[in-house]
Amino acid sequence: MIPKRTALISAVALVLGAISVPQAAAAPFGLVGWATQGGGTTGGGSASPVTVTTASAFVAAAKASGAAVIRVSGTISLSSMTKVASNKTIEGVGSTATITGQGLNIANASNVIVRNLNFRSWGDDAVNVQYSTRVWIDHNSFSSGYDGAVDVKRASDYVTVSWNKFSSHNKAMLLGHSDDNGSEDRGKLRVTYHHNWFAGTQQRHPRVRFGNPVHVYNNYYGGVTDYGVASTVEAGVLVEGNYFENTEDPFHRGEGSSPGGSLVARGNHFVNSGTGDQGGSVKSIPYSYPLDGASSVKSVVTAGAGAGRG
């Protein structure tokens, strides 16, 4: 259960009240963050793994009811967004398992894990999460797609996005699809983004609406060309212990026509980068987490993020 911490706290109080555990070595690859809440995320659990090598077999396994561990071998080309049902683990075999053409639609589902896959040249979103809870997106590589790489929206909650690599792409991660969707999204859209590698991508790392607190920590932003993190309408984002390199606009409030949300930044490391824009207050983080020192994040993340690295 999540502790009842509903009051907003000031940036100073948040700094003093953090429940992180600084450490010199790399954070572990196990599940951390919001996807540990609400009962936790186990995916297909101990179900006997099934290996798929064709699109038809993959689609049938992903949308079937019941717990399943689905192992993707080789390259699977999808012709449309593929529905992923509850209680699924979808994982690549080795370092080269690839999904291309279209992506995964985790909709009206719960308890889903997607890991160790290469997503390439998708026509819509690589991973779309909507009306879903307890989702863990871990150790994947995303490049050269059309729209979002990992988009979370429409009342989704308890999501962790960890140890992924994003490259050769524009719109990395959207959190909350519309300024007008507050009736569904208020009190939800709680996501943790940690140990991700943004290699020269452009924007939305993430772009946040309504979620509070959203936790962005220990990510490496290398040569991000537009902006890193944007906190917009009613959001509260903690940007903590990240490494920004050659990134002129690491974080700000407001984006496009969306009004600014709250953003608290602490303990970040900047190399040839701007200092960012912050303000307001953010709700406290309800879980404990190991925190790498910001100056070590580049080496830690580049050594461990992406498919085949976990």
C-alpha atoms as a PDB file:
ATOM      1  CA  MET A   1       0.000   0.000   0.000  1.00  0.00           C
ATOM      2  CA  ILE A   2       1.160   3.546  -0.691  1.00  0.00           C
ATOM      3  CA  PRO A   3       1.580   5.700   2.421  1.00  0.00           C
ATOM      4  CA  LYS A   4      -0.971   8.509   2.698  1.00  0.00           C
ATOM      5  CA  ARG A   5       1.325  11.407   1.892  1.00  0.00           C
ATOM      6  CA  THR A   6      -0.967  13.789   0.144  1.00  0.00           C
ATOM      7  CA  ALA A   7       0.373  17.160   1.230  1.00  0.00           C
ATOM      8  CA  LEU A   8       2.687  18.992  -1.102  1.00  0.00           C
ATOM      9  CA  ILE A   9       6.072  19.679   0.423  1.00  0.00           C
ATOM     10  CA  SER A  10       8.516  22.409  -0.354  1.00  0.00           C
ATOM     11  CA  ALA A  11      11.692  21.883  -2.305  1.00  0.00           C
ATOM     12  CA  VAL A  12      13.712  22.363   0.878  1.00  0.00           C
ATOM     13  CA  ALA A  13      11.686  19.827   2.801  1.00  0.00           C
ATOM     14  CA  LEU A  14      11.922  17.413  -0.086  1.00  0.00           C
ATOM     15  CA  VAL A  15      15.711  17.672  -0.038  1.00  0.00           C
ATOM     16  CA  LEU A  16      15.797  17.021   3.704  1.00  0.00           C
ATOM     17  CA  GLY A  17      13.239  14.232   3.604  1.00  0.00           C
ATOM     18  CA  ALA A  18      14.575  12.135   0.737  1.00  0.00           C
ATOM     19  CA  ILE A  19      14.565   8.380   1.227  1.00  0.00           C
ATOM     20  CA  SER A  20      17.265   7.546  -1.267  1.00  0.00           C
ATOM     21  CA  VAL A  21      20.365   5.521  -0.493  1.00  0.00           C
ATOM     22  CA  PRO A  22      23.458   7.052  -2.145  1.00  0.00           C
ATOM     23  CA  GLN A  23      26.014   4.494  -3.235  1.00  0.00           C
ATOM     24  CA  ALA A  24      29.254   4.371  -5.175  1.00  0.00           C
ATOM     25  CA  ALA A  25      28.497   1.306  -7.282  1.00  0.00           C
ATOM     26  CA  ALA A  26      25.855   0.956  -9.961  1.00  0.00           C
ATOM     27  CA  ALA A  27      22.253   0.527  -8.917  1.00  0.00           C
ATOM     28  CA  PRO A  28      20.941  -3.020  -9.280  1.00  0.00           C
ATOM     29  CA  PHE A  29      18.924  -4.103 -12.306  1.00  0.00           C
ATOM     30  CA  GLY A  30      15.948  -5.254 -10.228  1.00  0.00           C
ATOM     31  CA  LEU A  31      12.619  -3.475 -10.118  1.00  0.00           C
ATOM     32  CA  VAL A  32      12.651  -0.086  -8.377  1.00  0.00           C
ATOM     33  CA  GLY A  33      10.188   2.778  -8.361  1.00  0.00           C
ATOM     34  CA  TRP A  34       6.489   3.213  -8.936  1.00  0.00           C
ATOM     35  CA  ALA A  35       5.984  -0.244 -10.466  1.00  0.00           C
ATOM     36  CA  THR A  36       6.761  -1.721  -7.039  1.00  0.00           C
ATOM     37  CA  GLN A  37       3.631  -0.059  -5.648  1.00  0.00           C
ATOM     38  CA  GLY A  38      -0.012  -1.121  -5.789  1.00  0.00           C
ATOM     39  CA  GLY A  39       0.884  -4.769  -5.315  1.00  0.00           C
ATOM     40  CA  GLY A  40       4.043  -4.809  -7.431  1.00  0.00           C
ATOM     41  CA  THR A  41       4.806  -5.986 -10.953  1.00  0.00           C
ATOM     42  CA  THR A  42       5.706  -9.595 -11.708  1.00  0.00           C
ATOM     43  CA  GLY A  43       4.450 -10.017 -15.290  1.00  0.00           C
ATOM     44  CA  GLY A  44       4.022 -13.639 -16.247  1.00  0.00           C
ATOM     45  CA  GLY A  45       5.802 -14.724 -13.096  1.00  0.00           C
ATOM     46  CA  SER A  46       6.719 -18.415 -13.051  1.00  0.00           C
ATOM     47  CA  ALA A  47       4.696 -19.419 -16.108  1.00  0.00           C
ATOM     48  CA  SER A  48       6.582 -21.767 -18.433  1.00  0.00           C
ATOM     49  CA  PRO A  49       8.232 -19.629 -21.145  1.00  0.00           C
ATOM     50  CA  VAL A  50       7.005 -19.830 -24.733  1.00  0.00           C
ATOM     51  CA  THR A  51       9.385 -18.790 -27.519  1.00  0.00           C
ATOM     52  CA  VAL A  52       7.901 -17.085 -30.588  1.00  0.00           C
ATOM     53  CA  THR A  53       9.581 -16.408 -33.922  1.00  0.00           C
ATOM     54  CA  THR A  54       6.699 -15.158 -36.081  1.00  0.00           C
ATOM     55  CA  ALA A  55       4.321 -12.216 -35.904  1.00  0.00           C
ATOM     56  CA  SER A  56       1.237 -14.428 -35.825  1.00  0.00           C
ATOM     57  CA  ALA A  57       2.542 -16.470 -32.904  1.00  0.00           C
ATOM     58  CA  PHE A  58       3.584 -13.338 -31.040  1.00  0.00           C
ATOM     59  CA  VAL A  59       0.234 -11.578 -31.490  1.00  0.00           C
ATOM     60  CA  ALA A  60      -1.708 -14.642 -30.373  1.00  0.00           C
ATOM     61  CA  ALA A  61       0.426 -15.089 -27.259  1.00  0.00           C
ATOM     62  CA  ALA A  62       0.411 -11.412 -26.281  1.00  0.00           C
ATOM     63  CA  LYS A  63      -3.363 -10.983 -26.390  1.00  0.00           C
ATOM     64  CA  ALA A  64      -4.267 -14.327 -24.785  1.00  0.00           C
ATOM     65  CA  SER A  65      -5.702 -14.353 -21.278  1.00  0.00           C
ATOM     66  CA  GLY A  66      -3.741 -15.768 -18.387  1.00  0.00           C
ATOM     67  CA  ALA A  67      -0.166 -15.395 -17.186  1.00  0.00           C
ATOM     68  CA  ALA A  68       2.550 -15.940 -19.781  1.00  0.00           C
ATOM     69  CA  VAL A  69       6.265 -15.454 -20.322  1.00  0.00           C
ATOM     70  CA  ILE A  70       6.738 -14.761 -24.038  1.00  0.00           C
ATOM     71  CA  ARG A  71      10.280 -14.916 -25.422  1.00  0.00           C
ATOM     72  CA  VAL A  72      10.919 -13.196 -28.730  1.00  0.00           C
ATOM     73  CA  SER A  73      13.602 -14.735 -30.917  1.00  0.00           C
ATOM     74  CA  GLY A  74      14.893 -12.994 -34.039  1.00  0.00           C
ATOM     75  CA  THR A  75      13.031 -10.151 -35.747  1.00  0.00           C
ATOM     76  CA  ILE A  76       9.259  -9.836 -35.675  1.00  0.00           C
ATOM     77  CA  SER A  77       7.607  -7.352 -38.026  1.00  0.00           C
ATOM     78  CA  LEU A  78       4.187  -6.214 -36.840  1.00  0.00           C
ATOM     79  CA  SER A  79       1.604  -4.820 -39.248  1.00  0.00           C
ATOM     80  CA  SER A  80      -0.444  -3.086 -36.535  1.00  0.00           C
ATOM     81  CA  MET A  81      -0.239  -2.148 -32.872  1.00  0.00           C
ATOM     82  CA  THR A  82      -0.398  -5.394 -30.902  1.00  0.00           C
ATOM     83  CA  LYS A  83      -2.577  -5.678 -27.805  1.00  0.00           C
ATOM     84  CA  VAL A  84      -0.813  -6.938 -24.689  1.00  0.00           C
ATOM     85  CA  ALA A  85      -3.081  -8.493 -22.064  1.00  0.00           C
ATOM     86  CA  SER A  86      -2.534  -8.590 -18.306  1.00  0.00           C
ATOM     87  CA  ASN A  87       0.038 -10.738 -16.516  1.00  0.00           C
ATOM     88  CA  LYS A  88       2.545 -10.916 -19.334  1.00  0.00           C
ATOM     89  CA  THR A  89       6.319 -10.846 -19.517  1.00  0.00           C
ATOM     90  CA  ILE A  90       7.572 -10.115 -23.026  1.00  0.00           C
ATOM     91  CA  GLU A  91      11.332 -10.492 -23.305  1.00  0.00           C
ATOM     92  CA  GLY A  92      13.912 -10.808 -26.019  1.00  0.00           C
ATOM     93  CA  VAL A  93      16.223 -13.786 -26.410  1.00  0.00           C
ATOM     94  CA  GLY A  94      19.846 -12.672 -26.510  1.00  0.00           C
ATOM     95  CA  SER A  95      20.828  -9.170 -27.611  1.00  0.00           C
ATOM     96  CA  THR A  96      19.295  -9.012 -31.098  1.00  0.00           C
ATOM     97  CA  ALA A  97      15.591  -9.779 -30.602  1.00  0.00           C
ATOM     98  CA  THR A  98      13.752  -7.035 -32.482  1.00  0.00           C
ATOM     99  CA  ILE A  99      10.232  -5.717 -32.969  1.00  0.00           C
ATOM    100  CA  THR A 100       9.712  -3.500 -35.990  1.00  0.00           C
ATOM    101  CA  GLY A 101       6.912  -2.113 -38.162  1.00  0.00           C
ATOM    102  CA  GLN A 102       4.550  -1.317 -35.289  1.00  0.00           C
ATOM    103  CA  GLY A 103       4.614  -1.589 -31.504  1.00  0.00           C
ATOM    104  CA  LEU A 104       2.918  -2.818 -28.350  1.00  0.00           C
ATOM    105  CA  ASN A 105      -0.397  -1.507 -27.034  1.00  0.00           C
ATOM    106  CA  ILE A 106      -0.636  -2.157 -23.298  1.00  0.00           C
ATOM    107  CA  ALA A 107      -4.247  -1.071 -22.879  1.00  0.00           C
ATOM    108  CA  ASN A 108      -6.709  -1.884 -20.079  1.00  0.00           C
ATOM    109  CA  ALA A 109      -4.129  -4.253 -18.625  1.00  0.00           C
ATOM    110  CA  SER A 110      -2.149  -4.714 -15.433  1.00  0.00           C
ATOM    111  CA  ASN A 111       1.058  -6.430 -14.368  1.00  0.00           C
ATOM    112  CA  VAL A 112       3.093  -6.329 -17.596  1.00  0.00           C
ATOM    113  CA  ILE A 113       6.866  -6.472 -18.134  1.00  0.00           C
ATOM    114  CA  VAL A 114       8.597  -5.625 -21.434  1.00  0.00           C
ATOM    115  CA  ARG A 115      12.351  -6.108 -21.507  1.00  0.00           C
ATOM    116  CA  ASN A 116      15.453  -6.878 -23.563  1.00  0.00           C
ATOM    117  CA  LEU A 117      13.975  -5.946 -26.942  1.00  0.00           C
ATOM    118  CA  ASN A 118      15.168  -3.748 -29.795  1.00  0.00           C
ATOM    119  CA  PHE A 119      12.358  -1.577 -31.147  1.00  0.00           C
ATOM    120  CA  ARG A 120      13.073  -0.201 -34.617  1.00  0.00           C
ATOM    121  CA  SER A 121      11.179   1.812 -37.244  1.00  0.00           C
ATOM    122  CA  TRP A 122       7.755   1.632 -35.626  1.00  0.00           C
ATOM    123  CA  GLY A 123       4.859   3.328 -37.398  1.00  0.00           C
ATOM    124  CA  ASP A 124       2.903   4.585 -34.354  1.00  0.00           C
ATOM    125  CA  ASP A 125       4.313   4.155 -30.821  1.00  0.00           C
ATOM    126  CA  ALA A 126       6.857   1.538 -29.856  1.00  0.00           C
ATOM    127  CA  VAL A 127       5.191   1.034 -26.458  1.00  0.00           C
ATOM    128  CA  ASN A 128       1.848   2.667 -25.696  1.00  0.00           C
ATOM    129  CA  VAL A 129       0.504   2.337 -22.141  1.00  0.00           C
ATOM    130  CA  GLN A 130      -3.073   3.469 -21.516  1.00  0.00           C
ATOM    131  CA  TYR A 131      -5.665   2.634 -18.864  1.00  0.00           C
ATOM    132  CA  SER A 132      -3.078   0.259 -17.398  1.00  0.00           C
ATOM    133  CA  THR A 133      -1.277  -0.183 -14.098  1.00  0.00           C
ATOM    134  CA  ARG A 134       1.822  -1.926 -12.771  1.00  0.00           C
ATOM    135  CA  VAL A 135       3.969  -1.861 -15.909  1.00  0.00           C
ATOM    136  CA  TRP A 136       7.772  -2.225 -16.106  1.00  0.00           C
ATOM    137  CA  ILE A 137       9.621  -1.244 -19.296  1.00  0.00           C
ATOM    138  CA  ASP A 138      13.233  -2.342 -18.816  1.00  0.00           C
ATOM    139  CA  HIS A 139      16.497  -2.810 -20.743  1.00  0.00           C
ATOM    140  CA  ASN A 140      15.156  -2.127 -24.236  1.00  0.00           C
ATOM    141  CA  SER A 141      16.673  -0.155 -27.113  1.00  0.00           C
ATOM    142  CA  PHE A 142      14.561   2.272 -29.162  1.00  0.00           C
ATOM    143  CA  SER A 143      15.552   3.960 -32.413  1.00  0.00           C
ATOM    144  CA  SER A 144      14.229   5.456 -35.637  1.00  0.00           C
ATOM    145  CA  GLY A 145      10.518   5.339 -34.936  1.00  0.00           C
ATOM    146  CA  TYR A 146       7.636   7.541 -36.044  1.00  0.00           C
ATOM    147  CA  ASP A 147       5.935   8.757 -32.847  1.00  0.00           C
ATOM    148  CA  GLY A 148       6.554   8.048 -29.162  1.00  0.00           C
ATOM    149  CA  ALA A 149       9.034   5.450 -28.006  1.00  0.00           C
ATOM    150  CA  VAL A 150       7.376   4.935 -24.597  1.00  0.00           C
ATOM    151  CA  ASP A 151       4.128   6.864 -24.092  1.00  0.00           C
ATOM    152  CA  VAL A 152       2.092   6.544 -20.889  1.00  0.00           C
ATOM    153  CA  LYS A 153      -1.359   8.114 -20.765  1.00  0.00           C
ATOM    154  CA  ARG A 154      -5.093   7.897 -19.981  1.00  0.00           C
ATOM    155  CA  ALA A 155      -5.202   7.140 -16.248  1.00  0.00           C
ATOM    156  CA  SER A 156      -2.278   4.732 -16.269  1.00  0.00           C
ATOM    157  CA  ASP A 157      -0.378   4.414 -12.995  1.00  0.00           C
ATOM    158  CA  TYR A 158       2.464   2.627 -11.186  1.00  0.00           C
ATOM    159  CA  VAL A 159       4.949   2.461 -14.063  1.00  0.00           C
ATOM    160  CA  THR A 160       8.747   2.141 -14.083  1.00  0.00           C
ATOM    161  CA  VAL A 161      10.856   2.852 -17.191  1.00  0.00           C
ATOM    162  CA  SER A 162      14.440   1.765 -16.519  1.00  0.00           C
ATOM    163  CA  TRP A 163      17.772   1.012 -18.176  1.00  0.00           C
ATOM    164  CA  ASN A 164      16.575   1.709 -21.738  1.00  0.00           C
ATOM    165  CA  LYS A 165      18.571   3.335 -24.561  1.00  0.00           C
ATOM    166  CA  PHE A 166      16.993   5.859 -26.929  1.00  0.00           C
ATOM    167  CA  SER A 167      18.806   6.990 -30.087  1.00  0.00           C
ATOM    168  CA  SER A 168      18.129   8.366 -33.593  1.00  0.00           C
ATOM    169  CA  HIS A 169      14.668   9.456 -32.522  1.00  0.00           C
ATOM    170  CA  ASN A 170      12.623  12.599 -31.898  1.00  0.00           C
ATOM    171  CA  LYS A 171       9.801  12.049 -29.361  1.00  0.00           C
ATOM    172  CA  ALA A 172      11.100   9.813 -26.608  1.00  0.00           C
ATOM    173  CA  MET A 173       8.511   9.664 -23.830  1.00  0.00           C
ATOM    174  CA  LEU A 174       5.151  11.375 -23.344  1.00  0.00           C
ATOM    175  CA  LEU A 175       3.408  11.178 -19.979  1.00  0.00           C
ATOM    176  CA  GLY A 176      -0.197  12.358 -20.253  1.00  0.00           C
ATOM    177  CA  HIS A 177      -1.577  12.951 -23.732  1.00  0.00           C
ATOM    178  CA  SER A 178      -3.737  16.063 -23.299  1.00  0.00           C
ATOM    179  CA  ASP A 179      -4.122  19.157 -21.130  1.00  0.00           C
ATOM    180  CA  ASP A 180      -7.881  18.451 -21.140  1.00  0.00           C
ATOM    181  CA  ASN A 181      -7.690  14.953 -19.630  1.00  0.00           C
ATOM    182  CA  GLY A 182      -7.366  15.927 -15.981  1.00  0.00           C
ATOM    183  CA  SER A 183     -10.580  14.178 -14.944  1.00  0.00           C
ATOM    184  CA  GLU A 184      -8.954  10.835 -15.740  1.00  0.00           C
ATOM    185  CA  ASP A 185      -5.331  11.653 -14.990  1.00  0.00           C
ATOM    186  CA  ARG A 186      -5.302  13.566 -11.698  1.00  0.00           C
ATOM    187  CA  GLY A 187      -3.903  11.383  -8.937  1.00  0.00           C
ATOM    188  CA  LYS A 188      -2.462   8.933 -11.467  1.00  0.00           C
ATOM    189  CA  LEU A 189       0.306   8.938 -14.119  1.00  0.00           C
ATOM    190  CA  ARG A 190       2.877   8.177 -11.418  1.00  0.00           C
ATOM    191  CA  VAL A 191       5.994   6.972 -13.216  1.00  0.00           C
ATOM    192  CA  THR A 192       9.658   6.423 -12.350  1.00  0.00           C
ATOM    193  CA  TYR A 193      12.287   6.962 -15.066  1.00  0.00           C
ATOM    194  CA  HIS A 194      15.754   5.831 -14.037  1.00  0.00           C
ATOM    195  CA  HIS A 195      19.065   4.800 -15.604  1.00  0.00           C
ATOM    196  CA  ASN A 196      17.919   5.497 -19.147  1.00  0.00           C
ATOM    197  CA  TRP A 197      20.360   6.651 -21.845  1.00  0.00           C
ATOM    198  CA  PHE A 198      19.245   9.413 -24.202  1.00  0.00           C
ATOM    199  CA  ALA A 199      21.813   9.484 -27.006  1.00  0.00           C
ATOM    200  CA  GLY A 200      21.259  12.580 -29.131  1.00  0.00           C
ATOM    201  CA  THR A 201      17.469  12.334 -29.067  1.00  0.00           C
ATOM    202  CA  GLN A 202      15.381  15.483 -29.367  1.00  0.00           C
ATOM    203  CA  GLN A 203      12.550  15.938 -26.867  1.00  0.00           C
ATOM    204  CA  ARG A 204      10.199  14.426 -24.239  1.00  0.00           C
ATOM    205  CA  HIS A 205      12.573  12.821 -21.766  1.00  0.00           C
ATOM    206  CA  PRO A 206       9.816  12.864 -20.467  1.00  0.00           C
ATOM    207  CA  ARG A 207       7.143  15.529 -21.162  1.00  0.00           C
ATOM    208  CA  VAL A 208       4.798  15.334 -18.175  1.00  0.00           C
ATOM    209  CA  ARG A 209       1.172  16.262 -17.505  1.00  0.00           C
ATOM    210  CA  PHE A 210      -0.717  15.782 -14.206  1.00  0.00           C
ATOM    211  CA  GLY A 211       1.518  13.063 -12.671  1.00  0.00           C
ATOM    212  CA  ASN A 212       2.767  13.941  -9.171  1.00  0.00           C
ATOM    213  CA  PRO A 213       5.217  12.810  -8.052  1.00  0.00           C
ATOM    214  CA  VAL A 214       6.992  11.729 -11.227  1.00  0.00           C
ATOM    215  CA  HIS A 215      10.556  10.649 -10.481  1.00  0.00           C
ATOM    216  CA  VAL A 216      13.343  11.189 -13.022  1.00  0.00           C
ATOM    217  CA  TYR A 217      16.660  10.045 -11.562  1.00  0.00           C
ATOM    218  CA  ASN A 218      20.092   8.755 -12.573  1.00  0.00           C
ATOM    219  CA  ASN A 219      19.498   9.117 -16.325  1.00  0.00           C
ATOM    220  CA  TYR A 220      22.210  10.103 -18.814  1.00  0.00           C
ATOM    221  CA  TYR A 221      21.295  12.867 -21.260  1.00  0.00           C
ATOM    222  CA  GLY A 222      23.996  12.917 -23.937  1.00  0.00           C
ATOM    223  CA  GLY A 223      23.627  15.602 -26.593  1.00  0.00           C
ATOM    224  CA  VAL A 224      19.859  16.040 -26.289  1.00  0.00           C
ATOM    225  CA  THR A 225      19.035  18.585 -28.983  1.00  0.00           C
ATOM    226  CA  ASP A 226      15.702  20.159 -27.952  1.00  0.00           C
ATOM    227  CA  TYR A 227      15.025  19.659 -24.249  1.00  0.00           C
ATOM    228  CA  GLY A 228      15.325  17.055 -21.526  1.00  0.00           C
ATOM    229  CA  VAL A 229      12.423  17.095 -19.045  1.00  0.00           C
ATOM    230  CA  ALA A 230       9.292  19.273 -19.267  1.00  0.00           C
ATOM    231  CA  SER A 231       6.835  19.594 -16.389  1.00  0.00           C
ATOM    232  CA  THR A 232       3.479  20.936 -17.536  1.00  0.00           C
ATOM    233  CA  VAL A 233      -0.138  21.266 -16.445  1.00  0.00           C
ATOM    234  CA  GLU A 234      -0.528  20.280 -12.754  1.00  0.00           C
ATOM    235  CA  ALA A 235       2.477  17.922 -12.809  1.00  0.00           C
ATOM    236  CA  GLY A 236       5.090  17.537 -10.084  1.00  0.00           C
ATOM    237  CA  VAL A 237       8.450  16.187 -11.245  1.00  0.00           C
ATOM    238  CA  LEU A 238      11.555  15.409  -9.185  1.00  0.00           C
ATOM    239  CA  VAL A 239      14.669  15.546 -11.400  1.00  0.00           C
ATOM    240  CA  GLU A 240      17.420  13.982  -9.313  1.00  0.00           C
ATOM    241  CA  GLY A 241      20.986  12.808  -9.757  1.00  0.00           C
ATOM    242  CA  ASN A 242      20.999  12.911 -13.560  1.00  0.00           C
ATOM    243  CA  TYR A 243      24.006  13.539 -15.826  1.00  0.00           C
ATOM    244  CA  PHE A 244      23.416  16.204 -18.493  1.00  0.00           C
ATOM    245  CA  GLU A 245      26.089  16.532 -21.163  1.00  0.00           C
ATOM    246  CA  ASN A 246      25.953  18.831 -24.212  1.00  0.00           C
ATOM    247  CA  THR A 247      22.302  19.489 -23.409  1.00  0.00           C
ATOM    248  CA  GLU A 248      21.480  23.190 -23.569  1.00  0.00           C
ATOM    249  CA  ASP A 249      17.987  22.846 -22.047  1.00  0.00           C
ATOM    250  CA  PRO A 250      18.070  20.047 -19.448  1.00  0.00           C
ATOM    251  CA  PHE A 251      14.657  20.729 -17.868  1.00  0.00           C
ATOM    252  CA  HIS A 252      11.958  23.377 -17.783  1.00  0.00           C
ATOM    253  CA  ARG A 253       8.345  24.119 -16.851  1.00  0.00           C
ATOM    254  CA  GLY A 254       5.693  24.497 -19.523  1.00  0.00           C
ATOM    255  CA  GLU A 255       5.914  23.316 -23.099  1.00  0.00           C
ATOM    256  CA  GLY A 256       4.113  24.453 -26.223  1.00  0.00           C
ATOM    257  CA  SER A 257       0.631  25.603 -25.212  1.00  0.00           C
ATOM    258  CA  SER A 258       0.748  23.651 -21.922  1.00  0.00           C
ATOM    259  CA  PRO A 259       1.172  25.737 -18.747  1.00  0.00           C
ATOM    260  CA  GLY A 260       4.027  25.029 -16.379  1.00  0.00           C
ATOM    261  CA  GLY A 261       3.862  22.417 -13.677  1.00  0.00           C
ATOM    262  CA  SER A 262       6.171  22.053 -10.680  1.00  0.00           C
ATOM    263  CA  LEU A 263       9.734  20.805 -10.976  1.00  0.00           C
ATOM    264  CA  VAL A 264      12.292  20.257  -8.229  1.00  0.00           C
ATOM    265  CA  ALA A 265      15.875  19.538  -9.307  1.00  0.00           C
ATOM    266  CA  ARG A 266      18.587  18.329  -6.965  1.00  0.00           C
ATOM    267  CA  GLY A 267      22.025  16.775  -7.185  1.00  0.00           C
ATOM    268  CA  ASN A 268      22.318  16.793 -10.982  1.00  0.00           C
ATOM    269  CA  HIS A 269      25.629  16.923 -12.866  1.00  0.00           C
ATOM    270  CA  PHE A 270      26.115  19.297 -15.819  1.00  0.00           C
ATOM    271  CA  VAL A 271      28.798  19.153 -18.502  1.00  0.00           C
ATOM    272  CA  ASN A 272      28.612  21.818 -21.217  1.00  0.00           C
ATOM    273  CA  SER A 273      24.885  22.126 -20.486  1.00  0.00           C
ATOM    274  CA  GLY A 274      22.371  24.673 -19.262  1.00  0.00           C
ATOM    275  CA  THR A 275      21.278  24.808 -15.646  1.00  0.00           C
ATOM    276  CA  GLY A 276      17.547  24.320 -16.217  1.00  0.00           C
ATOM    277  CA  ASP A 277      14.401  25.974 -14.911  1.00  0.00           C
ATOM    278  CA  GLN A 278      12.697  24.791 -11.737  1.00  0.00           C
ATOM    279  CA  GLY A 279      10.097  25.921  -9.249  1.00  0.00           C
ATOM    280  CA  GLY A 280       7.162  24.876  -7.123  1.00  0.00           C
ATOM    281  CA  SER A 281       6.927  21.811  -4.923  1.00  0.00           C
ATOM    282  CA  VAL A 282       6.497  18.094  -5.497  1.00  0.00           C
ATOM    283  CA  LYS A 283       4.854  15.357  -3.444  1.00  0.00           C
ATOM    284  CA  SER A 284       7.220  13.041  -1.605  1.00  0.00           C
ATOM    285  CA  ILE A 285       8.494   9.794  -3.095  1.00  0.00           C
ATOM    286  CA  PRO A 286       6.884   6.840  -1.244  1.00  0.00           C
ATOM    287  CA  TYR A 287       9.479   4.150  -2.016  1.00  0.00           C
ATOM    288  CA  SER A 288      13.160   3.710  -1.195  1.00  0.00           C
ATOM    289  CA  TYR A 289      15.707   3.606  -3.996  1.00  0.00           C
ATOM    290  CA  PRO A 290      19.472   3.306  -4.428  1.00  0.00           C
ATOM    291  CA  LEU A 291      20.887   6.523  -5.871  1.00  0.00           C
ATOM    292  CA  ASP A 292      24.128   6.660  -7.850  1.00  0.00           C
ATOM    293  CA  GLY A 293      26.233   9.779  -7.498  1.00  0.00           C
ATOM    294  CA  ALA A 294      25.407  12.044 -10.440  1.00  0.00           C
ATOM    295  CA  SER A 295      29.001  12.339 -11.648  1.00  0.00           C
ATOM    296  CA  SER A 296      29.183   8.535 -12.082  1.00  0.00           C
ATOM    297  CA  VAL A 297      25.883   8.206 -13.953  1.00  0.00           C
ATOM    298  CA  LYS A 298      27.341   8.482 -17.465  1.00  0.00           C
ATOM    299  CA  SER A 299      29.662   5.516 -16.971  1.00  0.00           C
ATOM    300  CA  VAL A 300      27.074   3.486 -15.072  1.00  0.00           C
ATOM    301  CA  VAL A 301      24.298   4.006 -17.608  1.00  0.00           C
ATOM    302  CA  THR A 302      26.338   3.584 -20.790  1.00  0.00           C
ATOM    303  CA  ALA A 303      27.675   0.302 -19.390  1.00  0.00           C
ATOM    304  CA  GLY A 304      24.248  -1.081 -18.488  1.00  0.00           C
ATOM    305  CA  ALA A 305      21.414   0.457 -20.511  1.00  0.00           C
ATOM    306  CA  GLY A 306      19.781  -1.057 -23.577  1.00  0.00           C
ATOM    307  CA  ALA A 307      18.841  -4.486 -24.900  1.00  0.00           C
ATOM    308  CA  GLY A 308      21.292  -7.265 -24.157  1.00  0.00           C
ATOM    309  CA  ARG A 309      22.792  -5.405 -21.207  1.00  0.00           C
ATOM    310  CA  GLY A 310      20.698  -6.714 -18.333  1.00  0.00           C
END
